[in-house]
Amino acid sequence: MRFVVAKFEIGDEVWVKLRVGGLLVANDYEVAQRRRSSGVYEYKLRDPASNKLYKEGQWVKQDKLSASRLVRSPAGTVSGQNL
C-alpha cells in the first residue's frame, strides 16, 4: 500500500496546472474541501475573487496542484514553495 501525504489544507492558496493547447498555464484558487479517494488526495477549489467553485465543484487530484505563495523557512529565508 502506498502512503500519500496531503499537501494542502482547507483555505490554502494553490495553483491549478492546466494544459491549454501546447502551453501549461496556472490559475490561483483556494482549497474549499479535501478528501482521500483510492489512496490519492483530491480537492474542491474555489476562486477567491468570485467565490465560485472550480469546474462546478469537480474534484481535482493533488498532482495537478502546486502552492501559489511564498513561504518563510524556519531559518528566515524566503523561497517559492512548489510541492
Protein backbone atom coordinates (compact mmCIF):
# COMPACT_ATOMS: atom_id res chain seq x y z
CA MET A 1 0.00 0.00 0.00
CA ARG A 2 1.31 3.44 -0.94
CA PHE A 3 1.23 6.21 1.66
CA VAL A 4 0.34 9.64 0.27
CA VAL A 5 0.60 12.80 2.37
CA ALA A 6 -1.93 15.61 1.94
CA LYS A 7 -0.04 18.67 0.78
CA PHE A 8 -2.76 21.27 1.20
CA GLU A 9 -5.21 22.29 3.90
CA ILE A 10 -8.61 23.94 3.54
CA GLY A 11 -8.06 27.66 2.94
CA ASP A 12 -4.62 27.23 1.33
CA GLU A 13 -3.99 29.11 -1.91
CA VAL A 14 -2.97 26.84 -4.80
CA TRP A 15 -2.25 26.98 -8.50
CA VAL A 16 -4.12 24.62 -10.80
CA LYS A 17 -1.84 23.46 -13.61
CA LEU A 18 -3.79 23.21 -16.88
CA ARG A 19 -2.67 22.44 -20.40
CA VAL A 20 -4.16 24.88 -22.93
CA GLY A 21 -3.09 23.95 -26.44
CA GLY A 22 0.65 23.34 -26.11
CA LEU A 23 1.07 25.69 -23.14
CA LEU A 24 1.00 24.91 -19.43
CA VAL A 25 -0.84 27.63 -17.50
CA ALA A 26 -1.63 28.03 -13.79
CA ASN A 27 -4.59 29.77 -12.16
CA ASP A 28 -4.95 30.77 -8.49
CA TYR A 29 -7.63 29.06 -6.39
CA GLU A 30 -8.34 28.38 -2.71
CA VAL A 31 -8.87 24.88 -1.30
CA ALA A 32 -12.55 24.53 -0.33
CA GLN A 33 -12.67 20.79 0.51
CA ARG A 34 -10.31 17.82 0.69
CA ARG A 35 -10.90 14.06 0.54
CA ARG A 36 -8.86 10.91 0.08
CA SER A 37 -10.09 8.63 -2.71
CA SER A 38 -8.31 5.35 -3.59
CA GLY A 39 -5.23 6.49 -1.66
CA VAL A 40 -4.98 9.82 -3.53
CA TYR A 41 -5.94 13.22 -2.15
CA GLU A 42 -8.43 15.26 -4.17
CA TYR A 43 -9.59 18.82 -3.64
CA LYS A 44 -12.54 21.06 -4.46
CA LEU A 45 -11.30 24.54 -5.31
CA ARG A 46 -12.89 27.99 -5.09
CA ASP A 47 -11.99 31.14 -7.00
CA PRO A 48 -11.32 33.65 -4.19
CA ALA A 49 -12.42 36.61 -6.34
CA SER A 50 -15.83 35.26 -7.43
CA ASN A 51 -16.32 32.64 -4.66
CA LYS A 52 -17.35 30.13 -7.39
CA LEU A 53 -16.18 26.52 -7.34
CA TYR A 54 -13.70 25.38 -9.99
CA LYS A 55 -15.47 23.44 -12.77
CA GLU A 56 -18.75 23.37 -10.79
CA GLY A 57 -17.23 21.52 -7.84
CA GLN A 58 -15.24 18.90 -9.75
CA TRP A 59 -12.64 17.11 -7.61
CA VAL A 60 -9.02 17.86 -8.65
CA LYS A 61 -6.17 15.42 -7.93
CA GLN A 62 -3.26 16.63 -5.82
CA ASP A 63 -0.73 16.18 -8.66
CA LYS A 64 -2.48 18.95 -10.64
CA LEU A 65 -1.83 21.49 -7.87
CA SER A 66 1.15 23.42 -6.57
CA ALA A 67 1.49 26.06 -3.85
CA SER A 68 0.95 29.61 -5.04
CA ARG A 69 2.58 31.61 -2.30
CA LEU A 70 5.99 32.33 -0.92
CA VAL A 71 6.76 30.67 2.38
CA ARG A 72 9.26 31.62 5.06
CA SER A 73 11.52 28.81 6.19
CA PRO A 74 12.45 28.41 9.88
CA ALA A 75 15.87 29.90 9.07
CA GLY A 76 14.16 33.11 7.94
CA THR A 77 14.84 32.77 4.23
CA VAL A 78 12.02 33.17 1.72
CA SER A 79 11.53 30.81 -1.17
CA GLY A 80 8.83 29.80 -3.64
CA GLN A 81 7.05 26.68 -2.49
CA ASN A 82 6.48 24.04 -5.14
CA LEU A 83 5.14 20.89 -3.54
